Amino acid sequence: MSFDITRKDLVEWSSASLVFLSGAMTGHYAAMGMNAIQWTGAAAAVLGSVTIAVAVRIWPPKAEGAKAKVGD
């Protein structure tokens, strides 16, 4: 039985782990008590990690051999 781990799999699982980690840390520090500035930073961290997770899943793949043109 062979499991081939592709770069896409690694990126998707890493971004999911980032969402879990930022949410877990936010929950931990929320339980300890946070002020408004800390809540703002925690919300930004969670939203940023969710944005990364969504972006790596919907970003179109690069075509093989395609070159980017300036002005496209």
PDB file of N, CA and C in Angstrom:
ATOM      1  N   MET A   1       0.843  -1.167   0.000  1.00  0.00           N
ATOM      2  CA  MET A   1       0.000   0.000   0.000  1.00  0.00           C
ATOM      3  C   MET A   1       0.891   1.234   0.000  1.00  0.00           C
ATOM      4  N   SER A   2       0.712   2.061  -0.995  1.00  0.00           N
ATOM      5  CA  SER A   2       1.570   3.232  -1.145  1.00  0.00           C
ATOM      6  C   SER A   2       0.734   4.510  -1.055  1.00  0.00           C
ATOM      7  N   PHE A   3       1.205   5.416  -0.231  1.00  0.00           N
ATOM      8  CA  PHE A   3       0.553   6.719  -0.114  1.00  0.00           C
ATOM      9  C   PHE A   3       1.471   7.760  -0.722  1.00  0.00           C
ATOM     10  N   ASP A   4       1.002   8.406  -1.762  1.00  0.00           N
ATOM     11  CA  ASP A   4       1.778   9.465  -2.384  1.00  0.00           C
ATOM     12  C   ASP A   4       1.293  10.799  -1.848  1.00  0.00           C
ATOM     13  N   ILE A   5       2.161  11.511  -1.161  1.00  0.00           N
ATOM     14  CA  ILE A   5       1.818  12.822  -0.624  1.00  0.00           C
ATOM     15  C   ILE A   5       2.296  13.859  -1.625  1.00  0.00           C
ATOM     16  N   THR A   6       1.352  14.580  -2.187  1.00  0.00           N
ATOM     17  CA  THR A   6       1.686  15.597  -3.176  1.00  0.00           C
ATOM     18  C   THR A   6       1.882  16.944  -2.475  1.00  0.00           C
ATOM     19  N   ARG A   7       2.425  17.869  -3.215  1.00  0.00           N
ATOM     20  CA  ARG A   7       2.624  19.213  -2.676  1.00  0.00           C
ATOM     21  C   ARG A   7       1.273  19.853  -2.336  1.00  0.00           C
ATOM     22  N   LYS A   8       0.276  19.592  -3.173  1.00  0.00           N
ATOM     23  CA  LYS A   8      -1.064  20.127  -2.930  1.00  0.00           C
ATOM     24  C   LYS A   8      -1.621  19.602  -1.612  1.00  0.00           C
ATOM     25  N   ASP A   9      -1.463  18.314  -1.365  1.00  0.00           N
ATOM     26  CA  ASP A   9      -1.923  17.738  -0.100  1.00  0.00           C
ATOM     27  C   ASP A   9      -1.217  18.385   1.086  1.00  0.00           C
ATOM     28  N   LEU A  10       0.081  18.557   0.961  1.00  0.00           N
ATOM     29  CA  LEU A  10       0.857  19.157   2.041  1.00  0.00           C
ATOM     30  C   LEU A  10       0.400  20.586   2.328  1.00  0.00           C
ATOM     31  N   VAL A  11       0.166  21.353   1.285  1.00  0.00           N
ATOM     32  CA  VAL A  11      -0.274  22.740   1.462  1.00  0.00           C
ATOM     33  C   VAL A  11      -1.673  22.796   2.074  1.00  0.00           C
ATOM     34  N   GLU A  12      -2.567  21.941   1.610  1.00  0.00           N
ATOM     35  CA  GLU A  12      -3.927  21.957   2.146  1.00  0.00           C
ATOM     36  C   GLU A  12      -3.964  21.542   3.612  1.00  0.00           C
ATOM     37  N   TRP A  13      -3.230  20.497   3.975  1.00  0.00           N
ATOM     38  CA  TRP A  13      -3.210  20.059   5.368  1.00  0.00           C
ATOM     39  C   TRP A  13      -2.498  21.076   6.256  1.00  0.00           C
ATOM     40  N   SER A  14      -1.469  21.722   5.732  1.00  0.00           N
ATOM     41  CA  SER A  14      -0.766  22.742   6.510  1.00  0.00           C
ATOM     42  C   SER A  14      -1.670  23.935   6.787  1.00  0.00           C
ATOM     43  N   SER A  15      -2.434  24.350   5.782  1.00  0.00           N
ATOM     44  CA  SER A  15      -3.329  25.488   5.989  1.00  0.00           C
ATOM     45  C   SER A  15      -4.460  25.120   6.952  1.00  0.00           C
ATOM     46  N   ALA A  16      -4.946  23.889   6.883  1.00  0.00           N
ATOM     47  CA  ALA A  16      -5.975  23.444   7.833  1.00  0.00           C
ATOM     48  C   ALA A  16      -5.407  23.408   9.247  1.00  0.00           C
ATOM     49  N   SER A  17      -4.166  22.978   9.378  1.00  0.00           N
ATOM     50  CA  SER A  17      -3.513  22.958  10.693  1.00  0.00           C
ATOM     51  C   SER A  17      -3.341  24.369  11.238  1.00  0.00           C
ATOM     52  N   LEU A  18      -3.043  25.318  10.347  1.00  0.00           N
ATOM     53  CA  LEU A  18      -2.908  26.710  10.761  1.00  0.00           C
ATOM     54  C   LEU A  18      -4.226  27.249  11.302  1.00  0.00           C
ATOM     55  N   VAL A  19      -5.330  26.914  10.654  1.00  0.00           N
ATOM     56  CA  VAL A  19      -6.651  27.341  11.138  1.00  0.00           C
ATOM     57  C   VAL A  19      -6.926  26.736  12.511  1.00  0.00           C
ATOM     58  N   PHE A  20      -6.652  25.439  12.650  1.00  0.00           N
ATOM     59  CA  PHE A  20      -6.878  24.777  13.937  1.00  0.00           C
ATOM     60  C   PHE A  20      -6.014  25.388  15.030  1.00  0.00           C
ATOM     61  N   LEU A  21      -4.736  25.611  14.738  1.00  0.00           N
ATOM     62  CA  LEU A  21      -3.814  26.151  15.732  1.00  0.00           C
ATOM     63  C   LEU A  21      -4.204  27.571  16.158  1.00  0.00           C
ATOM     64  N   SER A  22      -4.555  28.419  15.198  1.00  0.00           N
ATOM     65  CA  SER A  22      -4.927  29.787  15.558  1.00  0.00           C
ATOM     66  C   SER A  22      -6.237  29.808  16.351  1.00  0.00           C
ATOM     67  N   GLY A  23      -7.172  28.943  15.990  1.00  0.00           N
ATOM     68  CA  GLY A  23      -8.421  28.856  16.748  1.00  0.00           C
ATOM     69  C   GLY A  23      -8.211  28.321  18.154  1.00  0.00           C
ATOM     70  N   ALA A  24      -7.346  27.325  18.282  1.00  0.00           N
ATOM     71  CA  ALA A  24      -7.065  26.747  19.592  1.00  0.00           C
ATOM     72  C   ALA A  24      -6.360  27.749  20.503  1.00  0.00           C
ATOM     73  N   MET A  25      -5.409  28.471  19.948  1.00  0.00           N
ATOM     74  CA  MET A  25      -4.702  29.472  20.754  1.00  0.00           C
ATOM     75  C   MET A  25      -5.636  30.605  21.157  1.00  0.00           C
ATOM     76  N   THR A  26      -6.502  31.010  20.235  1.00  0.00           N
ATOM     77  CA  THR A  26      -7.467  32.057  20.557  1.00  0.00           C
ATOM     78  C   THR A  26      -8.395  31.599  21.682  1.00  0.00           C
ATOM     79  N   GLY A  27      -8.884  30.372  21.600  1.00  0.00           N
ATOM     80  CA  GLY A  27      -9.750  29.846  22.643  1.00  0.00           C
ATOM     81  C   GLY A  27      -9.041  29.741  23.985  1.00  0.00           C
ATOM     82  N   HIS A  28      -7.785  29.325  23.952  1.00  0.00           N
ATOM     83  CA  HIS A  28      -7.017  29.202  25.192  1.00  0.00           C
ATOM     84  C   HIS A  28      -6.849  30.559  25.867  1.00  0.00           C
ATOM     85  N   TYR A  29      -6.410  31.531  25.093  1.00  0.00           N
ATOM     86  CA  TYR A  29      -6.200  32.861  25.684  1.00  0.00           C
ATOM     87  C   TYR A  29      -7.512  33.564  26.018  1.00  0.00           C
ATOM     88  N   ALA A  30      -8.582  33.247  25.295  1.00  0.00           N
ATOM     89  CA  ALA A  30      -9.891  33.816  25.629  1.00  0.00           C
ATOM     90  C   ALA A  30     -10.354  33.302  26.989  1.00  0.00           C
ATOM     91  N   ALA A  31     -10.071  32.029  27.263  1.00  0.00           N
ATOM     92  CA  ALA A  31     -10.455  31.461  28.553  1.00  0.00           C
ATOM     93  C   ALA A  31      -9.675  32.097  29.696  1.00  0.00           C
ATOM     94  N   MET A  32      -8.456  32.536  29.409  1.00  0.00           N
ATOM     95  CA  MET A  32      -7.640  33.187  30.436  1.00  0.00           C
ATOM     96  C   MET A  32      -8.031  34.645  30.620  1.00  0.00           C
ATOM     97  N   GLY A  33      -8.677  35.227  29.630  1.00  0.00           N
ATOM     98  CA  GLY A  33      -9.112  36.615  29.683  1.00  0.00           C
ATOM     99  C   GLY A  33      -8.285  37.488  28.760  1.00  0.00           C
ATOM    100  N   MET A  34      -8.962  38.197  27.885  1.00  0.00           N
ATOM    101  CA  MET A  34      -8.277  39.083  26.943  1.00  0.00           C
ATOM    102  C   MET A  34      -8.966  40.440  26.938  1.00  0.00           C
ATOM    103  N   ASN A  35      -8.185  41.475  26.623  1.00  0.00           N
ATOM    104  CA  ASN A  35      -8.779  42.799  26.477  1.00  0.00           C
ATOM    105  C   ASN A  35      -9.184  42.999  25.009  1.00  0.00           C
ATOM    106  N   ALA A  36      -9.726  44.158  24.693  1.00  0.00           N
ATOM    107  CA  ALA A  36     -10.262  44.413  23.346  1.00  0.00           C
ATOM    108  C   ALA A  36      -9.175  44.362  22.273  1.00  0.00           C
ATOM    109  N   ILE A  37      -7.997  44.843  22.576  1.00  0.00           N
ATOM    110  CA  ILE A  37      -6.917  44.827  21.589  1.00  0.00           C
ATOM    111  C   ILE A  37      -6.478  43.390  21.312  1.00  0.00           C
ATOM    112  N   GLN A  38      -6.411  42.572  22.335  1.00  0.00           N
ATOM    113  CA  GLN A  38      -6.055  41.171  22.146  1.00  0.00           C
ATOM    114  C   GLN A  38      -7.130  40.422  21.366  1.00  0.00           C
ATOM    115  N   TRP A  39      -8.391  40.747  21.615  1.00  0.00           N
ATOM    116  CA  TRP A  39      -9.470  40.137  20.849  1.00  0.00           C
ATOM    117  C   TRP A  39      -9.368  40.508  19.376  1.00  0.00           C
ATOM    118  N   THR A  40      -9.022  41.758  19.105  1.00  0.00           N
ATOM    119  CA  THR A  40      -8.876  42.204  17.716  1.00  0.00           C
ATOM    120  C   THR A  40      -7.752  41.445  17.023  1.00  0.00           C
ATOM    121  N   GLY A  41      -6.635  41.286  17.701  1.00  0.00           N
ATOM    122  CA  GLY A  41      -5.517  40.534  17.136  1.00  0.00           C
ATOM    123  C   GLY A  41      -5.858  39.074  16.920  1.00  0.00           C
ATOM    124  N   ALA A  42      -6.577  38.487  17.863  1.00  0.00           N
ATOM    125  CA  ALA A  42      -6.974  37.083  17.734  1.00  0.00           C
ATOM    126  C   ALA A  42      -7.939  36.896  16.569  1.00  0.00           C
ATOM    127  N   ALA A  43      -8.880  37.819  16.429  1.00  0.00           N
ATOM    128  CA  ALA A  43      -9.819  37.734  15.312  1.00  0.00           C
ATOM    129  C   ALA A  43      -9.092  37.879  13.979  1.00  0.00           C
ATOM    130  N   ALA A  44      -8.120  38.770  13.921  1.00  0.00           N
ATOM    131  CA  ALA A  44      -7.341  38.945  12.694  1.00  0.00           C
ATOM    132  C   ALA A  44      -6.540  37.683  12.373  1.00  0.00           C
ATOM    133  N   ALA A  45      -5.995  37.034  13.394  1.00  0.00           N
ATOM    134  CA  ALA A  45      -5.227  35.806  13.178  1.00  0.00           C
ATOM    135  C   ALA A  45      -6.113  34.680  12.656  1.00  0.00           C
ATOM    136  N   VAL A  46      -7.281  34.530  13.244  1.00  0.00           N
ATOM    137  CA  VAL A  46      -8.195  33.476  12.802  1.00  0.00           C
ATOM    138  C   VAL A  46      -8.698  33.761  11.388  1.00  0.00           C
ATOM    139  N   LEU A  47      -9.118  34.994  11.132  1.00  0.00           N
ATOM    140  CA  LEU A  47      -9.593  35.330   9.789  1.00  0.00           C
ATOM    141  C   LEU A  47      -8.488  35.212   8.747  1.00  0.00           C
ATOM    142  N   GLY A  48      -7.274  35.578   9.118  1.00  0.00           N
ATOM    143  CA  GLY A  48      -6.148  35.445   8.198  1.00  0.00           C
ATOM    144  C   GLY A  48      -5.849  34.001   7.870  1.00  0.00           C
ATOM    145  N   SER A  49      -5.896  33.129   8.854  1.00  0.00           N
ATOM    146  CA  SER A  49      -5.621  31.715   8.599  1.00  0.00           C
ATOM    147  C   SER A  49      -6.738  31.074   7.779  1.00  0.00           C
ATOM    148  N   VAL A  50      -7.973  31.475   8.013  1.00  0.00           N
ATOM    149  CA  VAL A  50      -9.083  30.971   7.193  1.00  0.00           C
ATOM    150  C   VAL A  50      -8.935  31.469   5.753  1.00  0.00           C
ATOM    151  N   THR A  51      -8.513  32.707   5.585  1.00  0.00           N
ATOM    152  CA  THR A  51      -8.292  33.255   4.239  1.00  0.00           C
ATOM    153  C   THR A  51      -7.220  32.458   3.504  1.00  0.00           C
ATOM    154  N   ILE A  52      -6.150  32.117   4.184  1.00  0.00           N
ATOM    155  CA  ILE A  52      -5.095  31.312   3.570  1.00  0.00           C
ATOM    156  C   ILE A  52      -5.635  29.939   3.179  1.00  0.00           C
ATOM    157  N   ALA A  53      -6.399  29.318   4.071  1.00  0.00           N
ATOM    158  CA  ALA A  53      -6.948  27.990   3.786  1.00  0.00           C
ATOM    159  C   ALA A  53      -7.878  28.016   2.572  1.00  0.00           C
ATOM    160  N   VAL A  54      -8.693  29.047   2.470  1.00  0.00           N
ATOM    161  CA  VAL A  54      -9.586  29.160   1.321  1.00  0.00           C
ATOM    162  C   VAL A  54      -8.787  29.439   0.050  1.00  0.00           C
ATOM    163  N   ALA A  55      -7.799  30.306   0.145  1.00  0.00           N
ATOM    164  CA  ALA A  55      -7.016  30.683  -1.032  1.00  0.00           C
ATOM    165  C   ALA A  55      -6.267  29.497  -1.630  1.00  0.00           C
ATOM    166  N   VAL A  56      -5.690  28.647  -0.799  1.00  0.00           N
ATOM    167  CA  VAL A  56      -4.938  27.521  -1.356  1.00  0.00           C
ATOM    168  C   VAL A  56      -5.851  26.482  -1.987  1.00  0.00           C
ATOM    169  N   ARG A  57      -7.116  26.498  -1.625  1.00  0.00           N
ATOM    170  CA  ARG A  57      -8.039  25.536  -2.226  1.00  0.00           C
ATOM    171  C   ARG A  57      -8.696  26.050  -3.501  1.00  0.00           C
ATOM    172  N   ILE A  58      -8.847  27.354  -3.655  1.00  0.00           N
ATOM    173  CA  ILE A  58      -9.538  27.867  -4.844  1.00  0.00           C
ATOM    174  C   ILE A  58      -8.609  28.523  -5.848  1.00  0.00           C
ATOM    175  N   TRP A  59      -7.347  28.750  -5.489  1.00  0.00           N
ATOM    176  CA  TRP A  59      -6.418  29.399  -6.404  1.00  0.00           C
ATOM    177  C   TRP A  59      -6.213  28.498  -7.611  1.00  0.00           C
ATOM    178  N   PRO A  60      -6.324  29.043  -8.817  1.00  0.00           N
ATOM    179  CA  PRO A  60      -6.169  28.170  -9.986  1.00  0.00           C
ATOM    180  C   PRO A  60      -4.729  27.659 -10.120  1.00  0.00           C
ATOM    181  N   PRO A  61      -4.569  26.402 -10.512  1.00  0.00           N
ATOM    182  CA  PRO A  61      -3.221  25.865 -10.666  1.00  0.00           C
ATOM    183  C   PRO A  61      -2.505  26.485 -11.863  1.00  0.00           C
ATOM    184  N   LYS A  62      -1.175  26.548 -11.758  1.00  0.00           N
ATOM    185  CA  LYS A  62      -0.381  27.074 -12.850  1.00  0.00           C
ATOM    186  C   LYS A  62      -0.347  26.052 -13.971  1.00  0.00           C
ATOM    187  N   ALA A  63      -0.568  26.505 -15.195  1.00  0.00           N
ATOM    188  CA  ALA A  63      -0.489  25.621 -16.352  1.00  0.00           C
ATOM    189  C   ALA A  63       0.972  25.264 -16.617  1.00  0.00           C
ATOM    190  N   GLU A  64       1.203  24.030 -17.026  1.00  0.00           N
ATOM    191  CA  GLU A  64       2.565  23.584 -17.333  1.00  0.00           C
ATOM    192  C   GLU A  64       3.109  24.337 -18.528  1.00  0.00           C
ATOM    193  N   GLY A  65       4.292  24.894 -18.361  1.00  0.00           N
ATOM    194  CA  GLY A  65       4.954  25.583 -19.470  1.00  0.00           C
ATOM    195  C   GLY A  65       4.401  26.954 -19.789  1.00  0.00           C
ATOM    196  N   ALA A  66       3.433  27.418 -19.023  1.00  0.00           N
ATOM    197  CA  ALA A  66       2.850  28.731 -19.293  1.00  0.00           C
ATOM    198  C   ALA A  66       3.757  29.825 -18.709  1.00  0.00           C
ATOM    199  N   LYS A  67       3.902  30.877 -19.486  1.00  0.00           N
ATOM    200  CA  LYS A  67       4.696  32.013 -19.026  1.00  0.00           C
ATOM    201  C   LYS A  67       3.769  33.195 -18.790  1.00  0.00           C
ATOM    202  N   ALA A  68       4.014  33.898 -17.713  1.00  0.00           N
ATOM    203  CA  ALA A  68       3.184  35.067 -17.401  1.00  0.00           C
ATOM    204  C   ALA A  68       3.615  36.231 -18.275  1.00  0.00           C
ATOM    205  N   LYS A  69       2.634  36.931 -18.809  1.00  0.00           N
ATOM    206  CA  LYS A  69       2.899  38.103 -19.623  1.00  0.00           C
ATOM    207  C   LYS A  69       2.639  39.348 -18.788  1.00  0.00           C
ATOM    208  N   VAL A  70       3.446  40.360 -19.012  1.00  0.00           N
ATOM    209  CA  VAL A  70       3.241  41.619 -18.327  1.00  0.00           C
ATOM    210  C   VAL A  70       2.034  42.301 -18.941  1.00  0.00           C
ATOM    211  N   GLY A  71       1.117  42.750 -18.103  1.00  0.00           N
ATOM    212  CA  GLY A  71      -0.062  43.449 -18.585  1.00  0.00           C
ATOM    213  C   GLY A  71      -1.278  42.562 -18.732  1.00  0.00           C
ATOM    214  N   ASP A  72      -1.161  41.282 -18.437  1.00  0.00           N
ATOM    215  CA  ASP A  72      -2.317  40.382 -18.537  1.00  0.00           C
ATOM    216  C   ASP A  72      -3.169  40.463 -17.309  1.00  0.00           C
TER     217      ASP A  72
END
